[in-house]
Amino acid sequence: MPDAPGQEASWQELAPGIRVLALPGFAANIGFVLGSERGLIIDTGAGPRQAEQILRSVREVTDLPLAAVITHAHGDHYFGNSYLAAHGVEQIWATSRCSEVMLAGGAQQRALVGGVEPEMAAGEGPHTELVAATRLVDGKPVDLNLGGIQVTLFHLGRGHTDHDLLVGAGNVLFTGDLVEEGADPAFEDSFPTDWIRTLGKITALEDLYDVFVPGHGAPVDVRFVSTQMEKMRAAIRVTKIAMDEASIDMTKAVPLLPYSPERSRVLLDRLRTLAHWKWLSRQP
């Protein structure tokens, strides 16, 4: 559930030129990387109100041109696109799959932001239309030179969604909701088995990055990412055992999982759905 709107947040500096802003409401982390020529905003908030706050906070730091990048297509991370595009942010980067989902799934997600962005939820008022990416990351990583600092945009595999984008700058890696601090992972659109592999690839980057910024919560180190990976591995193992035992009610696995009952049930449902999709794909 989102927190009450109306609170102001301030930048936390993680490294020279690299900052994070924890927005009120969904507590989503907004990244900002500033070079000598331009700045890059990482995720755009849940609608025009939050996007206005992001831009105001950015303009307290710099007047340089701006671009944005979206880690994944959930409304609290990209519903601010329209406002920023109308206020001079010409480039919005994402994977091509993410850009598709921004438009195809946006209407369904509007209701989720109603407590923070009522106009966005209703689809009424300025800057409430859905805006997709204008620049795509497909296949190989994309390097953006902001002037004295380089940012790398790259996709390591499915996890929280099928299109999660990572953003590396200096010693800091913005992970989107692939990593979650202070709350259990969200499994609704996830690919849990792939998620474990993707987290493993992230931990293998510890020689490049030592600060990992989750989509929500405080920045963490590689040990936290590894712990999340192992906890998820254990949860999936228990769930699959329950699925294989046809005589066992799968809900009996819920108390055994290392997550809240609500998130555990979502994980159970998601794994069952993916197993059904796999079975259907094998049918003649």
Protein backbone atom coordinates (compact mmCIF):
# COMPACT_ATOMS: atom_id res chain seq x y z
CA MET A 1 0.00 0.00 0.00
CA PRO A 2 1.35 3.48 -0.79
CA ASP A 3 2.12 5.95 1.93
CA ALA A 4 0.21 9.19 2.19
CA PRO A 5 1.19 11.69 -0.53
CA GLY A 6 2.41 15.19 0.08
CA GLN A 7 5.75 14.49 1.76
CA GLU A 8 8.92 15.95 0.30
CA ALA A 9 12.05 13.88 -0.28
CA SER A 10 15.66 14.91 -0.79
CA TRP A 11 18.58 13.53 -2.77
CA GLN A 12 21.01 11.08 -1.21
CA GLU A 13 24.44 11.22 -2.84
CA LEU A 14 25.83 7.74 -3.45
CA ALA A 15 28.97 8.74 -5.38
CA PRO A 16 30.15 11.88 -7.20
CA GLY A 17 27.41 12.80 -9.67
CA ILE A 18 25.18 9.88 -8.65
CA ARG A 19 22.10 10.40 -6.46
CA VAL A 20 18.92 8.67 -5.38
CA LEU A 21 15.58 10.18 -4.34
CA ALA A 22 13.10 8.05 -2.40
CA LEU A 23 9.66 9.32 -3.39
CA PRO A 24 6.76 9.31 -0.94
CA GLY A 25 3.82 7.13 -1.82
CA PHE A 26 5.27 3.89 -3.17
CA ALA A 27 8.75 4.67 -1.79
CA ALA A 28 10.11 4.13 -5.29
CA ASN A 29 13.74 5.08 -5.78
CA ILE A 30 14.44 7.67 -8.47
CA GLY A 31 18.03 7.74 -9.63
CA PHE A 32 19.88 10.70 -11.10
CA VAL A 33 23.28 10.69 -12.77
CA LEU A 34 24.80 14.06 -13.66
CA GLY A 35 27.65 14.64 -16.08
CA SER A 36 29.19 17.82 -17.41
CA GLU A 37 26.93 17.81 -20.50
CA ARG A 38 23.59 16.31 -19.41
CA GLY A 39 21.77 14.38 -16.72
CA LEU A 40 19.92 11.06 -16.68
CA ILE A 41 16.79 10.40 -14.58
CA ILE A 42 16.22 6.76 -13.66
CA ASP A 43 12.47 6.04 -13.49
CA THR A 44 9.87 8.79 -13.58
CA GLY A 45 7.39 8.15 -10.76
CA ALA A 46 3.71 7.26 -10.56
CA GLY A 47 2.25 10.22 -12.48
CA PRO A 48 2.51 13.95 -13.15
CA ARG A 49 2.54 14.98 -9.47
CA GLN A 50 5.57 12.85 -8.72
CA ALA A 51 7.22 13.71 -12.04
CA GLU A 52 6.87 17.40 -11.21
CA GLN A 53 8.58 16.77 -7.88
CA ILE A 54 11.37 14.83 -9.60
CA LEU A 55 11.97 17.59 -12.13
CA ARG A 56 11.87 20.28 -9.47
CA SER A 57 14.44 18.36 -7.42
CA VAL A 58 16.65 17.85 -10.48
CA ARG A 59 16.49 21.54 -11.39
CA GLU A 60 17.74 22.41 -7.91
CA VAL A 61 20.92 20.59 -8.93
CA THR A 62 21.39 21.43 -12.62
CA ASP A 63 20.01 23.27 -15.65
CA LEU A 64 21.63 20.87 -18.13
CA PRO A 65 19.61 18.87 -20.71
CA LEU A 66 18.00 15.70 -19.41
CA ALA A 67 17.20 12.18 -20.55
CA ALA A 68 15.38 9.41 -18.69
CA VAL A 69 15.50 5.63 -18.49
CA ILE A 70 12.78 3.23 -17.31
CA THR A 71 13.79 0.07 -15.43
CA HIS A 72 10.46 -1.72 -16.03
CA ALA A 73 6.85 -1.06 -16.98
CA HIS A 74 5.05 -0.87 -13.65
CA GLY A 75 3.05 2.30 -13.14
CA ASP A 76 4.96 3.61 -10.11
CA HIS A 77 8.12 3.61 -12.24
CA TYR A 78 7.01 5.13 -15.56
CA PHE A 79 3.70 7.00 -15.25
CA GLY A 80 5.66 10.26 -15.02
CA ASN A 81 6.87 9.91 -18.63
CA SER A 82 4.28 12.25 -20.10
CA TYR A 83 5.06 15.12 -17.73
CA LEU A 84 8.80 14.88 -18.29
CA ALA A 85 8.40 14.57 -22.07
CA ALA A 86 6.32 17.76 -22.02
CA HIS A 87 9.02 19.53 -20.04
CA GLY A 88 12.01 18.97 -22.26
CA VAL A 89 13.06 15.36 -21.66
CA GLU A 90 13.33 14.17 -25.27
CA GLN A 91 14.99 10.78 -24.76
CA ILE A 92 13.28 8.09 -22.70
CA TRP A 93 15.19 4.80 -22.78
CA ALA A 94 13.83 1.30 -22.12
CA THR A 95 13.94 -2.18 -23.58
CA SER A 96 11.64 -2.67 -26.57
CA ARG A 97 9.54 -5.14 -24.57
CA CYS A 98 9.23 -2.61 -21.75
CA SER A 99 8.09 0.03 -24.20
CA GLU A 100 5.40 -2.31 -25.53
CA VAL A 101 4.13 -3.08 -22.03
CA MET A 102 4.05 0.63 -21.11
CA LEU A 103 1.25 1.10 -23.63
CA ALA A 104 -0.42 -2.32 -23.55
CA GLY A 105 -0.57 -2.69 -19.77
CA GLY A 106 -0.85 0.89 -18.62
CA ALA A 107 -4.64 1.10 -18.51
CA GLN A 108 -4.80 -1.94 -16.26
CA GLN A 109 -2.30 -0.41 -13.84
CA ARG A 110 -3.88 3.01 -13.47
CA ALA A 111 -6.02 2.00 -10.50
CA LEU A 112 -2.91 0.97 -8.58
CA VAL A 113 -1.65 4.55 -8.29
CA GLY A 114 -4.95 6.15 -7.23
CA GLY A 115 -3.89 6.84 -3.65
CA VAL A 116 -0.91 8.91 -4.83
CA GLU A 117 -1.93 10.11 -8.30
CA PRO A 118 -5.74 10.31 -8.56
CA GLU A 119 -5.69 12.09 -11.92
CA MET A 120 -3.36 9.47 -13.37
CA ALA A 121 -5.61 6.72 -12.06
CA ALA A 122 -8.62 8.29 -13.74
CA GLY A 123 -6.72 9.10 -16.93
CA GLU A 124 -7.97 12.66 -16.75
CA GLY A 125 -6.06 15.92 -16.71
CA PRO A 126 -2.73 17.15 -18.10
CA HIS A 127 0.10 14.68 -18.62
CA THR A 128 -1.91 11.57 -17.72
CA GLU A 129 -1.59 9.87 -21.11
CA LEU A 130 0.66 6.83 -21.48
CA VAL A 131 4.00 7.61 -23.11
CA ALA A 132 6.35 4.87 -24.30
CA ALA A 133 10.11 4.96 -24.74
CA THR A 134 11.71 6.96 -27.54
CA ARG A 135 15.04 5.09 -27.43
CA LEU A 136 15.35 1.32 -27.19
CA VAL A 137 17.85 -1.05 -25.62
CA ASP A 138 17.86 -4.34 -27.51
CA GLY A 139 20.45 -7.08 -27.34
CA LYS A 140 23.77 -5.52 -26.47
CA PRO A 141 24.24 -2.91 -23.71
CA VAL A 142 23.98 0.80 -24.47
CA ASP A 143 26.57 3.25 -23.16
CA LEU A 144 25.51 6.86 -22.59
CA ASN A 145 28.23 9.48 -22.19
CA LEU A 146 26.86 12.25 -19.99
CA GLY A 147 30.15 14.16 -20.04
CA GLY A 148 32.85 12.85 -17.73
CA ILE A 149 30.66 9.97 -16.56
CA GLN A 150 29.39 7.00 -18.53
CA VAL A 151 26.17 5.12 -17.85
CA THR A 152 25.54 1.59 -19.10
CA LEU A 153 22.02 0.29 -19.76
CA PHE A 154 21.75 -3.50 -19.95
CA HIS A 155 19.35 -6.44 -19.60
CA LEU A 156 20.56 -9.63 -17.91
CA GLY A 157 17.44 -11.76 -18.17
CA ARG A 158 13.91 -12.18 -16.91
CA GLY A 159 13.07 -11.73 -13.25
CA HIS A 160 10.65 -9.26 -11.69
CA THR A 161 9.32 -8.86 -15.25
CA ASP A 162 10.43 -10.10 -18.66
CA HIS A 163 12.11 -6.78 -19.48
CA ASP A 164 14.04 -5.54 -16.42
CA LEU A 165 16.73 -3.01 -17.29
CA LEU A 166 19.78 -2.35 -15.13
CA VAL A 167 21.55 1.01 -15.05
CA GLY A 168 25.20 1.14 -14.06
CA ALA A 169 27.10 4.35 -13.29
CA GLY A 170 30.46 4.48 -11.55
CA ASN A 171 30.38 1.99 -8.69
CA VAL A 172 26.56 2.14 -8.44
CA LEU A 173 24.06 -0.23 -10.05
CA PHE A 174 20.37 0.71 -10.19
CA THR A 175 18.52 -2.60 -10.24
CA GLY A 176 14.87 -1.61 -10.44
CA ASP A 177 12.62 -4.10 -8.65
CA LEU A 178 14.95 -7.02 -9.33
CA VAL A 179 16.22 -6.16 -5.85
CA GLU A 180 13.84 -5.14 -3.06
CA GLU A 181 14.83 -3.85 0.38
CA GLY A 182 12.45 -3.54 3.31
CA ALA A 183 9.71 -5.63 1.66
CA ASP A 184 9.30 -9.00 0.00
CA PRO A 185 9.78 -9.25 -3.78
CA ALA A 186 6.68 -8.72 -5.93
CA PHE A 187 5.94 -11.82 -8.00
CA GLU A 188 2.80 -10.84 -9.96
CA ASP A 189 4.52 -10.49 -13.36
CA SER A 190 7.64 -12.40 -12.44
CA PHE A 191 9.58 -15.36 -13.75
CA PRO A 192 10.86 -16.69 -10.43
CA THR A 193 13.28 -19.36 -11.66
CA ASP A 194 14.82 -16.93 -14.14
CA TRP A 195 14.89 -14.29 -11.40
CA ILE A 196 17.30 -16.44 -9.40
CA ARG A 197 19.63 -16.71 -12.39
CA THR A 198 19.46 -12.97 -13.03
CA LEU A 199 20.30 -12.20 -9.40
CA GLY A 200 23.26 -14.55 -9.74
CA LYS A 201 24.47 -12.54 -12.74
CA ILE A 202 24.10 -9.34 -10.70
CA THR A 203 26.19 -10.71 -7.84
CA ALA A 204 28.87 -11.62 -10.39
CA LEU A 205 29.23 -7.88 -11.10
CA GLU A 206 30.62 -7.13 -7.63
CA ASP A 207 34.01 -6.22 -9.11
CA LEU A 208 32.31 -3.40 -11.02
CA TYR A 209 29.65 -2.28 -8.52
CA ASP A 210 29.58 -2.19 -4.74
CA VAL A 211 26.40 -0.14 -4.25
CA PHE A 212 23.12 -1.67 -5.46
CA VAL A 213 20.04 0.56 -5.51
CA PRO A 214 16.79 -1.42 -5.27
CA GLY A 215 13.55 -0.27 -6.81
CA HIS A 216 12.27 0.40 -3.28
CA GLY A 217 14.21 0.67 -0.04
CA ALA A 218 17.71 1.60 1.04
CA PRO A 219 20.80 0.97 -1.10
CA VAL A 220 22.42 -2.39 -0.34
CA ASP A 221 25.61 -4.34 -0.93
CA VAL A 222 26.24 -7.52 -2.88
CA ARG A 223 25.72 -9.68 0.22
CA PHE A 224 22.13 -8.46 0.41
CA VAL A 225 21.56 -9.37 -3.25
CA SER A 226 23.04 -12.81 -2.64
CA THR A 227 20.81 -13.32 0.40
CA GLN A 228 17.72 -12.36 -1.60
CA MET A 229 18.76 -14.85 -4.28
CA GLU A 230 19.21 -17.72 -1.82
CA LYS A 231 15.93 -16.94 -0.03
CA MET A 232 14.11 -17.00 -3.36
CA ARG A 233 15.82 -20.23 -4.35
CA ALA A 234 14.66 -21.88 -1.11
CA ALA A 235 11.10 -20.58 -1.55
CA ILE A 236 10.84 -21.90 -5.09
CA ARG A 237 12.24 -25.27 -4.04
CA VAL A 238 9.56 -25.66 -1.35
CA THR A 239 6.84 -24.52 -3.74
CA LYS A 240 7.85 -26.92 -6.50
CA ILE A 241 7.89 -29.83 -4.06
CA ALA A 242 4.33 -28.91 -3.10
CA MET A 243 3.35 -28.71 -6.78
CA ASP A 244 4.84 -32.14 -7.47
CA GLU A 245 2.89 -33.71 -4.63
CA ALA A 246 -0.55 -33.92 -6.23
CA SER A 247 -2.15 -35.02 -2.97
CA ILE A 248 -0.93 -31.99 -1.09
CA ASP A 249 -2.88 -28.74 -1.01
CA MET A 250 -0.37 -26.18 -2.30
CA THR A 251 -1.56 -23.59 0.19
CA LYS A 252 -0.03 -25.74 2.93
CA ALA A 253 3.34 -24.58 1.63
CA VAL A 254 2.56 -20.93 2.51
CA PRO A 255 3.71 -21.11 6.17
CA LEU A 256 6.97 -22.72 5.02
CA LEU A 257 7.92 -19.89 2.67
CA PRO A 258 10.19 -17.04 3.82
CA TYR A 259 7.71 -14.35 2.73
CA SER A 260 4.49 -12.87 4.02
CA PRO A 261 1.38 -15.02 3.44
CA GLU A 262 0.12 -12.58 0.79
CA ARG A 263 3.37 -12.59 -1.21
CA SER A 264 3.73 -16.34 -0.74
CA ARG A 265 0.32 -16.95 -2.30
CA VAL A 266 1.24 -14.73 -5.25
CA LEU A 267 4.42 -16.76 -5.73
CA LEU A 268 2.42 -20.00 -5.59
CA ASP A 269 -0.09 -18.71 -8.15
CA ARG A 270 2.62 -17.41 -10.44
CA LEU A 271 4.59 -20.65 -10.47
CA ARG A 272 1.39 -22.62 -11.09
CA THR A 273 0.48 -20.30 -14.00
CA LEU A 274 3.94 -20.59 -15.56
CA ALA A 275 3.84 -24.38 -15.20
CA HIS A 276 0.46 -24.42 -17.00
CA TRP A 277 1.84 -22.24 -19.80
CA LYS A 278 4.78 -24.63 -20.16
CA TRP A 279 2.44 -27.62 -20.31
CA LEU A 280 0.28 -25.94 -22.96
CA SER A 281 3.32 -25.13 -25.09
CA ARG A 282 4.17 -28.85 -25.22
CA GLN A 283 0.76 -29.93 -26.45
CA PRO A 284 0.48 -30.95 -30.13
